[in-house]
C-alpha atoms as a PDB file:
ATOM      1  CA  MET A   1      35.736   7.565 115.433  1.00  0.00           C
ATOM      2  CA  PRO A   2      34.038   7.593 112.051  1.00  0.00           C
ATOM      3  CA  LEU A   3      34.265   4.610 109.608  1.00  0.00           C
ATOM      4  CA  PRO A   4      36.671   5.068 106.665  1.00  0.00           C
ATOM      5  CA  LYS A   5      35.107   5.963 103.317  1.00  0.00           C
ATOM      6  CA  ILE A   6      35.467   3.535 100.360  1.00  0.00           C
ATOM      7  CA  ASN A   7      37.013   5.246  97.090  1.00  0.00           C
ATOM      8  CA  SER A   8      35.083   4.431  94.024  1.00  0.00           C
ATOM      9  CA  PRO A   9      37.032   4.019  90.898  1.00  0.00           C
ATOM     10  CA  THR A  10      36.086   6.535  87.884  1.00  0.00           C
ATOM     11  CA  TYR A  11      35.978   6.076  84.415  1.00  0.00           C
ATOM     12  CA  GLU A  12      35.418   8.292  81.067  1.00  0.00           C
ATOM     13  CA  LEU A  13      33.377   7.723  78.322  1.00  0.00           C
ATOM     14  CA  VAL A  14      31.707  10.177  75.276  1.00  0.00           C
ATOM     15  CA  ILE A  15      28.209  11.410  75.399  1.00  0.00           C
ATOM     16  CA  PRO A  16      26.774   9.899  71.636  1.00  0.00           C
ATOM     17  CA  SER A  17      24.675  12.910  70.609  1.00  0.00           C
ATOM     18  CA  SER A  18      27.037  15.648  72.089  1.00  0.00           C
ATOM     19  CA  LYS A  19      30.526  13.665  71.594  1.00  0.00           C
ATOM     20  CA  LYS A  20      31.443  15.290  75.075  1.00  0.00           C
ATOM     21  CA  LYS A  21      33.592  13.284  77.470  1.00  0.00           C
ATOM     22  CA  ILE A  22      32.400  12.760  80.960  1.00  0.00           C
ATOM     23  CA  ARG A  23      33.667  10.970  83.833  1.00  0.00           C
ATOM     24  CA  TYR A  24      31.506   8.566  85.913  1.00  0.00           C
ATOM     25  CA  ARG A  25      31.687   5.959  88.866  1.00  0.00           C
ATOM     26  CA  PRO A  26      30.026   2.538  89.520  1.00  0.00           C
ATOM     27  CA  PHE A  27      26.951   2.745  91.066  1.00  0.00           C
ATOM     28  CA  LEU A  28      26.759   1.746  94.848  1.00  0.00           C
ATOM     29  CA  VAL A  29      25.019  -0.472  96.849  1.00  0.00           C
ATOM     30  CA  LYS A  30      22.350   2.533  97.643  1.00  0.00           C
ATOM     31  CA  GLU A  31      22.085   2.953  93.997  1.00  0.00           C
ATOM     32  CA  GLU A  32      21.315  -0.768  93.223  1.00  0.00           C
ATOM     33  CA  LYS A  33      18.576  -0.944  95.987  1.00  0.00           C
ATOM     34  CA  ILE A  34      16.868   2.235  93.975  1.00  0.00           C
ATOM     35  CA  LEU A  35      17.088   0.111  90.882  1.00  0.00           C
ATOM     36  CA  VAL A  36      16.017  -3.152  92.410  1.00  0.00           C
ATOM     37  CA  ILE A  37      12.861  -1.439  93.831  1.00  0.00           C
ATOM     38  CA  ALA A  38      11.928   0.277  90.572  1.00  0.00           C
ATOM     39  CA  MET A  39      12.495  -3.062  88.673  1.00  0.00           C
ATOM     40  CA  GLU A  40      10.032  -4.950  91.129  1.00  0.00           C
ATOM     41  CA  SER A  41       7.177  -2.425  91.038  1.00  0.00           C
ATOM     42  CA  ASN A  42       7.052  -3.409  87.149  1.00  0.00           C
ATOM     43  CA  GLU A  43       6.150   0.233  86.329  1.00  0.00           C
ATOM     44  CA  ILE A  44       8.310   1.933  83.457  1.00  0.00           C
ATOM     45  CA  LYS A  45       7.918   5.617  84.682  1.00  0.00           C
ATOM     46  CA  ASP A  46       9.464   3.849  87.953  1.00  0.00           C
ATOM     47  CA  ILE A  47      12.212   2.204  86.064  1.00  0.00           C
ATOM     48  CA  ALA A  48      12.911   5.439  84.071  1.00  0.00           C
ATOM     49  CA  THR A  49      13.176   7.860  87.220  1.00  0.00           C
ATOM     50  CA  ALA A  50      15.275   5.301  89.187  1.00  0.00           C
ATOM     51  CA  VAL A  51      17.629   5.134  86.181  1.00  0.00           C
ATOM     52  CA  LYS A  52      17.812   9.053  85.787  1.00  0.00           C
ATOM     53  CA  GLN A  53      18.528   9.043  89.549  1.00  0.00           C
ATOM     54  CA  VAL A  54      21.360   6.582  89.514  1.00  0.00           C
ATOM     55  CA  LEU A  55      22.956   8.447  86.319  1.00  0.00           C
ATOM     56  CA  ASN A  56      22.694  11.924  88.294  1.00  0.00           C
ATOM     57  CA  ASN A  57      24.678  10.102  91.483  1.00  0.00           C
ATOM     58  CA  CYS A  58      27.127   8.467  88.920  1.00  0.00           C
ATOM     59  CA  ILE A  59      28.170  11.070  86.519  1.00  0.00           C
ATOM     60  CA  LEU A  60      30.859  13.084  88.179  1.00  0.00           C
ATOM     61  CA  SER A  61      31.419  15.674  85.385  1.00  0.00           C
ATOM     62  CA  ARG A  62      29.762  19.366  85.841  1.00  0.00           C
ATOM     63  CA  GLY A  63      27.193  20.646  83.413  1.00  0.00           C
ATOM     64  CA  ILE A  64      25.312  17.341  82.565  1.00  0.00           C
ATOM     65  CA  ASN A  65      21.741  17.919  82.697  1.00  0.00           C
ATOM     66  CA  ILE A  66      20.254  14.178  82.692  1.00  0.00           C
ATOM     67  CA  ASP A  67      16.558  15.610  81.604  1.00  0.00           C
ATOM     68  CA  LYS A  68      18.157  17.032  78.352  1.00  0.00           C
ATOM     69  CA  LEU A  69      19.727  13.947  77.477  1.00  0.00           C
ATOM     70  CA  SER A  70      18.216  11.799  74.543  1.00  0.00           C
ATOM     71  CA  THR A  71      16.733   8.334  75.052  1.00  0.00           C
ATOM     72  CA  PHE A  72      19.833   6.863  73.378  1.00  0.00           C
ATOM     73  CA  ASP A  73      22.162   8.771  75.581  1.00  0.00           C
ATOM     74  CA  ILE A  74      20.544   7.581  78.411  1.00  0.00           C
ATOM     75  CA  GLU A  75      20.687   4.069  77.486  1.00  0.00           C
ATOM     76  CA  TYR A  76      24.251   4.301  76.706  1.00  0.00           C
ATOM     77  CA  LEU A  77      25.229   6.034  79.764  1.00  0.00           C
ATOM     78  CA  PHE A  78      23.183   3.419  81.998  1.00  0.00           C
ATOM     79  CA  LEU A  79      24.614   0.522  80.180  1.00  0.00           C
ATOM     80  CA  ASN A  80      28.132   1.535  80.640  1.00  0.00           C
ATOM     81  CA  VAL A  81      27.712   2.399  84.396  1.00  0.00           C
ATOM     82  CA  ARG A  82      25.772  -0.668  84.846  1.00  0.00           C
ATOM     83  CA  GLY A  83      28.601  -2.815  83.016  1.00  0.00           C
ATOM     84  CA  LYS A  84      31.486  -1.054  85.554  1.00  0.00           C
ATOM     85  CA  SER A  85      29.245  -1.850  88.537  1.00  0.00           C
ATOM     86  CA  VAL A  86      28.327  -5.431  88.824  1.00  0.00           C
ATOM     87  CA  GLY A  87      29.661  -7.148  85.492  1.00  0.00           C
ATOM     88  CA  GLU A  88      30.685  -6.220  81.972  1.00  0.00           C
ATOM     89  CA  SER A  89      28.543  -9.311  80.863  1.00  0.00           C
ATOM     90  CA  VAL A  90      24.905 -10.068  81.348  1.00  0.00           C
ATOM     91  CA  GLU A  91      22.961 -13.410  80.636  1.00  0.00           C
ATOM     92  CA  ILE A  92      19.868 -12.756  78.462  1.00  0.00           C
ATOM     93  CA  LYS A  93      17.223 -15.385  77.463  1.00  0.00           C
ATOM     94  CA  VAL A  94      16.134 -15.088  73.527  1.00  0.00           C
ATOM     95  CA  THR A  95      13.810 -16.756  71.410  1.00  0.00           C
ATOM     96  CA  CYS A  96      15.253 -18.523  68.412  1.00  0.00           C
ATOM     97  CA  PRO A  97      13.478 -16.806  65.453  1.00  0.00           C
ATOM     98  CA  ASP A  98      13.659 -20.146  63.087  1.00  0.00           C
ATOM     99  CA  ASP A  99      10.589 -21.915  65.154  1.00  0.00           C
ATOM    100  CA  GLY A 100       9.783 -18.427  67.546  1.00  0.00           C
ATOM    101  CA  GLU A 101       9.266 -20.698  70.566  1.00  0.00           C
ATOM    102  CA  THR A 102      12.532 -22.146  71.727  1.00  0.00           C
ATOM    103  CA  GLN A 103      14.332 -20.069  74.148  1.00  0.00           C
ATOM    104  CA  VAL A 104      17.984 -20.117  74.943  1.00  0.00           C
ATOM    105  CA  GLU A 105      20.329 -18.487  77.342  1.00  0.00           C
ATOM    106  CA  THR A 106      23.458 -16.670  75.993  1.00  0.00           C
ATOM    107  CA  THR A 107      26.030 -14.271  77.344  1.00  0.00           C
ATOM    108  CA  VAL A 108      26.672 -10.627  76.039  1.00  0.00           C
ATOM    109  CA  ASN A 109      29.399  -8.559  76.576  1.00  0.00           C
ATOM    110  CA  LEU A 110      28.236  -5.006  77.175  1.00  0.00           C
ATOM    111  CA  ASP A 111      31.606  -3.482  76.270  1.00  0.00           C
ATOM    112  CA  GLU A 112      30.517  -4.627  72.417  1.00  0.00           C
ATOM    113  CA  ILE A 113      27.176  -2.681  72.578  1.00  0.00           C
ATOM    114  CA  GLN A 114      27.530   0.346  70.730  1.00  0.00           C
ATOM    115  CA  ILE A 115      25.173   3.136  69.314  1.00  0.00           C
ATOM    116  CA  LEU A 116      24.113   2.572  65.792  1.00  0.00           C
ATOM    117  CA  THR A 117      23.763   5.341  63.417  1.00  0.00           C
ATOM    118  CA  ASP A 118      21.939   5.413  60.407  1.00  0.00           C
ATOM    119  CA  PRO A 119      23.807   7.609  57.363  1.00  0.00           C
ATOM    120  CA  GLU A 120      21.060   8.547  56.108  1.00  0.00           C
ATOM    121  CA  HIS A 121      20.152  10.186  59.689  1.00  0.00           C
ATOM    122  CA  THR A 122      20.297  14.060  59.701  1.00  0.00           C
ATOM    123  CA  THR A 123      18.703  16.745  62.319  1.00  0.00           C
ATOM    124  CA  ASP A 124      17.991  19.112  59.482  1.00  0.00           C
ATOM    125  CA  ILE A 125      14.970  18.816  57.252  1.00  0.00           C
ATOM    126  CA  LYS A 126      14.354  20.720  54.135  1.00  0.00           C
ATOM    127  CA  LEU A 127      10.883  21.940  54.131  1.00  0.00           C
ATOM    128  CA  ASP A 128      10.890  23.871  50.571  1.00  0.00           C
ATOM    129  CA  GLU A 129      13.303  25.899  48.571  1.00  0.00           C
ATOM    130  CA  THR A 130      13.798  28.399  51.468  1.00  0.00           C
ATOM    131  CA  VAL A 131      12.628  27.189  55.002  1.00  0.00           C
ATOM    132  CA  SER A 132      13.972  24.263  56.837  1.00  0.00           C
ATOM    133  CA  MET A 133      13.603  22.736  60.339  1.00  0.00           C
ATOM    134  CA  ARG A 134      16.327  21.485  62.979  1.00  0.00           C
ATOM    135  CA  MET A 135      15.219  18.786  65.105  1.00  0.00           C
ATOM    136  CA  LYS A 136      15.917  17.512  68.663  1.00  0.00           C
ATOM    137  CA  TYR A 137      15.838  14.232  70.231  1.00  0.00           C
ATOM    138  CA  PRO A 138      13.343  13.229  72.392  1.00  0.00           C
ATOM    139  CA  SER A 139      14.274  13.008  76.164  1.00  0.00           C
ATOM    140  CA  LEU A 140      13.814  10.094  78.238  1.00  0.00           C
ATOM    141  CA  ASP A 141      10.793  11.618  79.925  1.00  0.00           C
ATOM    142  CA  GLN A 142       9.142  12.500  76.451  1.00  0.00           C
ATOM    143  CA  PHE A 143       9.762   8.861  75.202  1.00  0.00           C
ATOM    144  CA  ILE A 144       7.891   7.402  78.367  1.00  0.00           C
ATOM    145  CA  LYS A 145       5.299   9.847  78.089  1.00  0.00           C
ATOM    146  CA  GLU A 146       4.157   8.955  74.769  1.00  0.00           C
ATOM    147  CA  ASN A 147       5.209   5.280  74.387  1.00  0.00           C
ATOM    148  CA  PHE A 148       3.788   3.798  77.592  1.00  0.00           C
ATOM    149  CA  ASP A 149       1.267   6.239  78.975  1.00  0.00           C
ATOM    150  CA  VAL A 150      -1.654   3.411  77.857  1.00  0.00           C
ATOM    151  CA  ASP A 151      -4.263   5.746  78.951  1.00  0.00           C
ATOM    152  CA  ASN A 152      -3.193   8.698  76.608  1.00  0.00           C
ATOM    153  CA  ILE A 153      -1.737   7.089  73.868  1.00  0.00           C
ATOM    154  CA  GLY A 154      -2.798   8.124  70.239  1.00  0.00           C
ATOM    155  CA  PHE A 155      -2.066  10.022  67.227  1.00  0.00           C
ATOM    156  CA  ASP A 156      -2.541  13.290  68.887  1.00  0.00           C
ATOM    157  CA  GLN A 157       0.151  12.339  71.758  1.00  0.00           C
ATOM    158  CA  SER A 158       2.380  11.084  68.878  1.00  0.00           C
ATOM    159  CA  PHE A 159       1.839  14.472  67.260  1.00  0.00           C
ATOM    160  CA  ASP A 160       2.733  16.215  70.356  1.00  0.00           C
ATOM    161  CA  MET A 161       6.147  14.456  70.978  1.00  0.00           C
ATOM    162  CA  ILE A 162       7.183  15.603  67.158  1.00  0.00           C
ATOM    163  CA  ALA A 163       6.197  19.103  68.143  1.00  0.00           C
ATOM    164  CA  ALA A 164       8.337  19.098  71.223  1.00  0.00           C
ATOM    165  CA  CYS A 165      11.433  17.684  69.428  1.00  0.00           C
ATOM    166  CA  VAL A 166      11.239  20.475  66.722  1.00  0.00           C
ATOM    167  CA  ASP A 167      14.372  22.811  67.776  1.00  0.00           C
ATOM    168  CA  THR A 168      14.362  25.662  65.418  1.00  0.00           C
ATOM    169  CA  VAL A 169      12.738  26.392  61.833  1.00  0.00           C
ATOM    170  CA  TYR A 170      14.984  28.826  59.890  1.00  0.00           C
ATOM    171  CA  ASN A 171      15.587  30.368  56.579  1.00  0.00           C
ATOM    172  CA  ASP A 172      18.656  32.259  55.247  1.00  0.00           C
ATOM    173  CA  GLU A 173      17.550  35.487  56.858  1.00  0.00           C
ATOM    174  CA  GLU A 174      15.841  34.346  60.094  1.00  0.00           C
ATOM    175  CA  ILE A 175      15.465  31.874  62.799  1.00  0.00           C
ATOM    176  CA  TRP A 176      12.274  30.867  65.008  1.00  0.00           C
ATOM    177  CA  LYS A 177      13.094  29.023  67.851  1.00  0.00           C
ATOM    178  CA  SER A 178      10.686  26.653  69.503  1.00  0.00           C
ATOM    179  CA  SER A 179      10.404  28.311  72.621  1.00  0.00           C
ATOM    180  CA  ASP A 180       9.169  31.307  71.142  1.00  0.00           C
ATOM    181  CA  PHE A 181       6.118  29.538  70.299  1.00  0.00           C
ATOM    182  CA  THR A 182       3.253  27.556  72.378  1.00  0.00           C
ATOM    183  CA  PRO A 183       3.235  23.706  71.829  1.00  0.00           C
ATOM    184  CA  ALA A 184      -0.427  24.594  70.120  1.00  0.00           C
ATOM    185  CA  GLU A 185       1.282  26.973  67.678  1.00  0.00           C
ATOM    186  CA  MET A 186       3.893  24.375  66.837  1.00  0.00           C
ATOM    187  CA  VAL A 187       1.136  21.476  66.361  1.00  0.00           C
ATOM    188  CA  GLU A 188      -0.660  24.086  63.886  1.00  0.00           C
ATOM    189  CA  PHE A 189       2.685  24.519  62.116  1.00  0.00           C
ATOM    190  CA  LEU A 190       3.325  21.004  61.802  1.00  0.00           C
ATOM    191  CA  GLU A 191      -0.414  20.743  60.452  1.00  0.00           C
ATOM    192  CA  GLY A 192       0.417  22.711  57.913  1.00  0.00           C
ATOM    193  CA  LEU A 193       3.048  20.463  56.255  1.00  0.00           C
ATOM    194  CA  GLY A 194       2.618  18.352  53.269  1.00  0.00           C
ATOM    195  CA  SER A 195       3.042  14.971  53.362  1.00  0.00           C
ATOM    196  CA  LYS A 196       6.377  14.501  51.627  1.00  0.00           C
ATOM    197  CA  GLN A 197       7.401  16.677  54.424  1.00  0.00           C
ATOM    198  CA  PHE A 198       5.928  14.910  57.263  1.00  0.00           C
ATOM    199  CA  LYS A 199       7.431  11.846  55.890  1.00  0.00           C
ATOM    200  CA  GLN A 200      10.718  13.432  56.317  1.00  0.00           C
ATOM    201  CA  LEU A 201      10.094  13.942  59.944  1.00  0.00           C
ATOM    202  CA  GLU A 202       8.911  10.405  60.298  1.00  0.00           C
ATOM    203  CA  LYS A 203      12.253   9.521  58.849  1.00  0.00           C
ATOM    204  CA  PHE A 204      14.109  11.624  61.508  1.00  0.00           C
ATOM    205  CA  PHE A 205      12.524   9.436  64.434  1.00  0.00           C
ATOM    206  CA  ALA A 206      13.033   6.073  62.231  1.00  0.00           C
ATOM    207  CA  THR A 207      16.821   6.595  61.450  1.00  0.00           C
ATOM    208  CA  MET A 208      17.613   8.115  65.037  1.00  0.00           C
ATOM    209  CA  PRO A 209      20.634   6.441  66.786  1.00  0.00           C
ATOM    210  CA  ARG A 210      19.949   3.641  68.891  1.00  0.00           C
ATOM    211  CA  LEU A 211      21.514   1.033  71.140  1.00  0.00           C
ATOM    212  CA  TYR A 212      22.066  -1.987  68.771  1.00  0.00           C
ATOM    213  CA  HIS A 213      23.994  -5.452  69.011  1.00  0.00           C
ATOM    214  CA  GLU A 214      23.703  -8.608  67.176  1.00  0.00           C
ATOM    215  CA  ILE A 215      24.159 -12.049  68.542  1.00  0.00           C
ATOM    216  CA  LYS A 216      24.394 -15.355  67.068  1.00  0.00           C
ATOM    217  CA  VAL A 217      22.380 -18.607  68.622  1.00  0.00           C
ATOM    218  CA  ILE A 218      21.939 -21.903  67.666  1.00  0.00           C
ATOM    219  CA  ASN A 219      18.558 -23.761  68.295  1.00  0.00           C
ATOM    220  CA  PRO A 220      19.240 -26.629  70.259  1.00  0.00           C
ATOM    221  CA  LYS A 221      16.202 -28.267  68.759  1.00  0.00           C
ATOM    222  CA  THR A 222      16.707 -27.830  64.800  1.00  0.00           C
ATOM    223  CA  LYS A 223      20.500 -27.030  65.175  1.00  0.00           C
ATOM    224  CA  VAL A 224      19.734 -23.900  63.077  1.00  0.00           C
ATOM    225  CA  GLU A 225      22.051 -21.006  63.792  1.00  0.00           C
ATOM    226  CA  SER A 226      20.431 -17.468  63.775  1.00  0.00           C
ATOM    227  CA  THR A 227      21.375 -13.674  64.214  1.00  0.00           C
ATOM    228  CA  ILE A 228      19.173 -11.970  66.758  1.00  0.00           C
ATOM    229  CA  PRO A 229      19.209  -8.199  66.559  1.00  0.00           C
ATOM    230  CA  LEU A 230      18.904  -6.697  70.050  1.00  0.00           C
ATOM    231  CA  GLU A 231      17.773  -2.754  70.250  1.00  0.00           C
ATOM    232  CA  GLY A 232      17.122  -0.578  73.336  1.00  0.00           C
ATOM    233  CA  LEU A 233      18.181  -0.915  76.835  1.00  0.00           C
ATOM    234  CA  ALA A 234      15.343  -3.326  77.804  1.00  0.00           C
ATOM    235  CA  ALA A 235      16.823  -5.938  75.037  1.00  0.00           C
ATOM    236  CA  PHE A 236      20.032  -6.406  77.500  1.00  0.00           C
ATOM    237  CA  PHE A 237      17.939  -7.324  80.799  1.00  0.00           C
ATOM    238  CA  ASN A 238      14.992  -9.151  79.938  1.00  0.00           C
END
């Protein structure tokens, strides 16, 4: 006689970039094992792969392609799955900024962490009076490749990521999809932009939505209270 199956509770949340509501479950022991092995490797790529695998297992709604989600979507989803799986608070250690050396432990409630959206952020960039560009957010794979591949990182690689994030170029009469061009052709197009136009592209990345939370800590040595910003998934698991 087979053993009974244990039913997992299900929850709902909204994907930040698309505003689509999805259903998910907490991760199980088998998924926690995947994460532990990846964390022990200390390899960023292994951790990213494990996070995506866990999310693929835990997201119950159909039609969700983890590989197409933005970095901040992945971080937000994983933070919520983790909260429902092993506890909705986490103990982290931070360095007091007033002396730059004293470390204190503090508790962060994961339910309070949200996606911070800059009011000046836009995905549509006006290049001149007629031509505009619509951007898409980098995937987790793109982010890892361009930011943690220490053997290949450089200006050209960063430029490649910008090119990969171009969705369409358009005017009042035509739309040019990025899929219609090779990466080399898109890079050549970007190289033809002026300095002011390229700064708008940089602003797109600088103001992208991000996981953000502020905590207040008191330095036990100096008694100075400081506000510390926490950004990105790694800040909540240090």
